[in-house]
Amino acid sequence: QVQLQESGPGLVKPSQTLSLTCTVSGGSITTSYYAWSWIRQPPGKGLEWMGAIAYDGSTYYSPSLQSRTPISRDTSKNQFSLQLSSVTPEDTAVYYCARGPSKRYGSTWYDDADYWGQGTQVTVSS
C-alpha cells in the first residue's frame, strides 16, 4: 500500500520561503502514469490544488501560484518537495501531498487522488 508523509516546519515567518517534503513508501514516484501533488486547505476554506510533478518529472502548477511554488523531486529518496516563496498569513493552511492520475491537472485534480498524506499544519506568523 502506498503511504505518503509530509514533513516541514510548523511555523514560518512572513516573507520567508516555506519548504515541504513528501516521502513516499510502498510505490515509486516514477511509476507510470501517476502524478504527485501538493494540496492545501486554509482554515474554514476548501481544498486548493497547488501543483504536481508527474512520473516523468513534468511539472504543472495552479495559475494563481505558479511563480511561487516550484515542485521538485529526489528519485533516489522517493520524495518530492514544494517551495512556497514570500509567504503571508494567507498561506496558513494544512498542506497535503497526494497521488493521482497524470492528467486533468487543475482545481479538481484531487477528486481522483487515491492516496493522501495525513497533512501538516503550517502557520505563517511573526
Protein backbone atom coordinates (compact mmCIF):
# COMPACT_ATOMS: atom_id res chain seq x y z
CA GLN A 1 0.00 0.00 0.00
CA VAL A 2 1.24 3.45 -0.88
CA GLN A 3 1.89 5.79 2.00
CA LEU A 4 2.73 9.49 1.90
CA GLN A 5 4.16 11.55 4.73
CA GLU A 6 4.55 15.32 4.72
CA SER A 7 7.35 17.00 6.63
CA GLY A 8 8.30 20.60 7.18
CA PRO A 9 8.23 23.47 9.64
CA GLY A 10 5.04 24.15 11.50
CA LEU A 11 5.73 27.86 11.77
CA VAL A 12 7.12 30.22 9.15
CA LYS A 13 7.63 33.96 9.33
CA PRO A 14 6.10 36.27 6.72
CA SER A 15 8.24 36.83 3.61
CA GLN A 16 10.18 33.62 4.19
CA THR A 17 10.14 30.54 1.95
CA LEU A 18 8.21 27.50 3.08
CA SER A 19 9.79 24.17 2.20
CA LEU A 20 7.79 20.96 2.45
CA THR A 21 8.77 17.41 1.56
CA CYS A 22 6.59 14.39 0.90
CA THR A 23 8.18 10.99 1.45
CA VAL A 24 6.52 8.15 -0.42
CA SER A 25 6.70 4.49 0.52
CA GLY A 26 5.11 1.41 -0.98
CA GLY A 27 5.41 2.75 -4.51
CA SER A 28 7.76 4.70 -6.73
CA ILE A 29 7.19 8.30 -7.76
CA THR A 30 8.44 7.34 -11.23
CA THR A 31 5.73 4.74 -11.82
CA SER A 32 3.69 5.44 -14.94
CA TYR A 33 1.17 7.14 -15.12
CA TYR A 34 0.88 8.77 -11.74
CA ALA A 35 1.31 12.33 -10.60
CA TRP A 36 2.13 13.64 -7.16
CA SER A 37 0.50 16.82 -5.96
CA TRP A 38 0.51 19.38 -3.22
CA ILE A 39 -2.88 20.49 -1.95
CA ARG A 40 -3.71 22.83 0.88
CA GLN A 41 -6.69 23.77 2.97
CA PRO A 42 -6.76 27.15 4.72
CA PRO A 43 -8.80 27.37 7.89
CA GLY A 44 -12.52 27.50 7.12
CA LYS A 45 -11.96 27.08 3.38
CA GLY A 46 -11.95 24.31 0.82
CA LEU A 47 -9.13 22.35 -0.71
CA GLU A 48 -6.80 24.13 -3.12
CA TRP A 49 -4.70 22.21 -5.62
CA MET A 50 -1.29 23.88 -5.83
CA GLY A 51 0.68 21.86 -8.33
CA ALA A 52 2.03 18.46 -9.29
CA ILE A 53 5.05 16.60 -10.55
CA ALA A 54 4.35 13.67 -12.83
CA TYR A 55 6.07 10.28 -13.08
CA ASP A 56 8.28 11.62 -15.87
CA GLY A 57 9.31 14.76 -13.97
CA SER A 58 6.95 17.14 -15.76
CA THR A 59 5.53 19.84 -13.52
CA TYR A 60 2.14 21.51 -13.51
CA TYR A 61 1.02 24.44 -11.41
CA SER A 62 -2.05 26.33 -10.36
CA PRO A 63 -2.06 29.56 -12.38
CA SER A 64 -2.60 31.59 -9.22
CA LEU A 65 0.51 30.18 -7.53
CA GLN A 66 2.78 29.23 -10.40
CA SER A 67 5.51 31.79 -9.80
CA ARG A 68 5.76 30.95 -6.12
CA THR A 69 5.61 27.16 -5.96
CA PRO A 70 8.37 25.23 -7.70
CA ILE A 71 7.95 21.49 -7.18
CA SER A 72 10.92 19.17 -7.42
CA ARG A 73 11.74 15.55 -6.69
CA ASP A 74 14.53 13.32 -5.48
CA THR A 75 14.02 9.93 -7.05
CA SER A 76 16.84 8.38 -5.03
CA LYS A 77 14.87 9.15 -1.86
CA ASN A 78 11.43 8.72 -3.41
CA GLN A 79 10.48 12.21 -2.29
CA PHE A 80 9.00 15.29 -3.85
CA SER A 81 9.11 18.79 -2.46
CA LEU A 82 7.37 22.14 -2.58
CA GLN A 83 8.87 25.55 -2.03
CA LEU A 84 6.45 28.41 -1.47
CA SER A 85 8.16 31.77 -1.54
CA SER A 86 7.23 35.09 0.07
CA VAL A 87 4.67 33.58 2.39
CA THR A 88 1.99 35.66 4.05
CA PRO A 89 -0.55 34.81 6.77
CA GLU A 90 -2.93 33.87 3.94
CA ASP A 91 -0.67 30.87 3.28
CA THR A 92 -1.58 29.43 6.68
CA ALA A 93 -3.15 26.05 5.96
CA VAL A 94 -2.96 22.32 6.32
CA TYR A 95 -0.74 21.11 3.50
CA TYR A 96 -1.28 17.67 1.97
CA CYS A 97 0.56 15.61 -0.58
CA ALA A 98 -1.35 13.11 -2.67
CA ARG A 99 -1.10 10.67 -5.56
CA GLY A 100 -3.39 10.71 -8.53
CA PRO A 101 -3.51 10.35 -12.29
CA SER A 102 -1.13 12.26 -14.55
CA LYS A 103 -3.96 14.11 -16.28
CA ARG A 104 -6.69 16.74 -15.73
CA TYR A 105 -4.45 18.99 -13.69
CA GLY A 106 -6.36 21.76 -12.04
CA SER A 107 -8.70 22.68 -9.26
CA THR A 108 -10.49 19.32 -9.22
CA TRP A 109 -7.46 17.04 -9.66
CA TYR A 110 -7.75 15.79 -6.11
CA ASP A 111 -11.16 14.25 -6.85
CA ASP A 112 -9.24 11.42 -8.50
CA ALA A 113 -6.46 11.17 -5.90
CA ASP A 114 -6.25 7.72 -4.37
CA TYR A 115 -3.62 8.17 -1.67
CA TRP A 116 -3.10 11.13 0.63
CA GLY A 117 -0.72 12.07 3.37
CA GLN A 118 -2.15 12.91 6.76
CA GLY A 119 -1.44 16.61 6.28
CA THR A 120 0.82 19.03 8.09
CA GLN A 121 -0.25 22.30 9.66
CA VAL A 122 1.73 25.34 8.57
CA THR A 123 1.20 28.67 10.26
CA VAL A 124 2.62 31.91 8.89
CA SER A 125 3.12 34.37 11.68
CA SER A 126 5.74 36.72 13.02
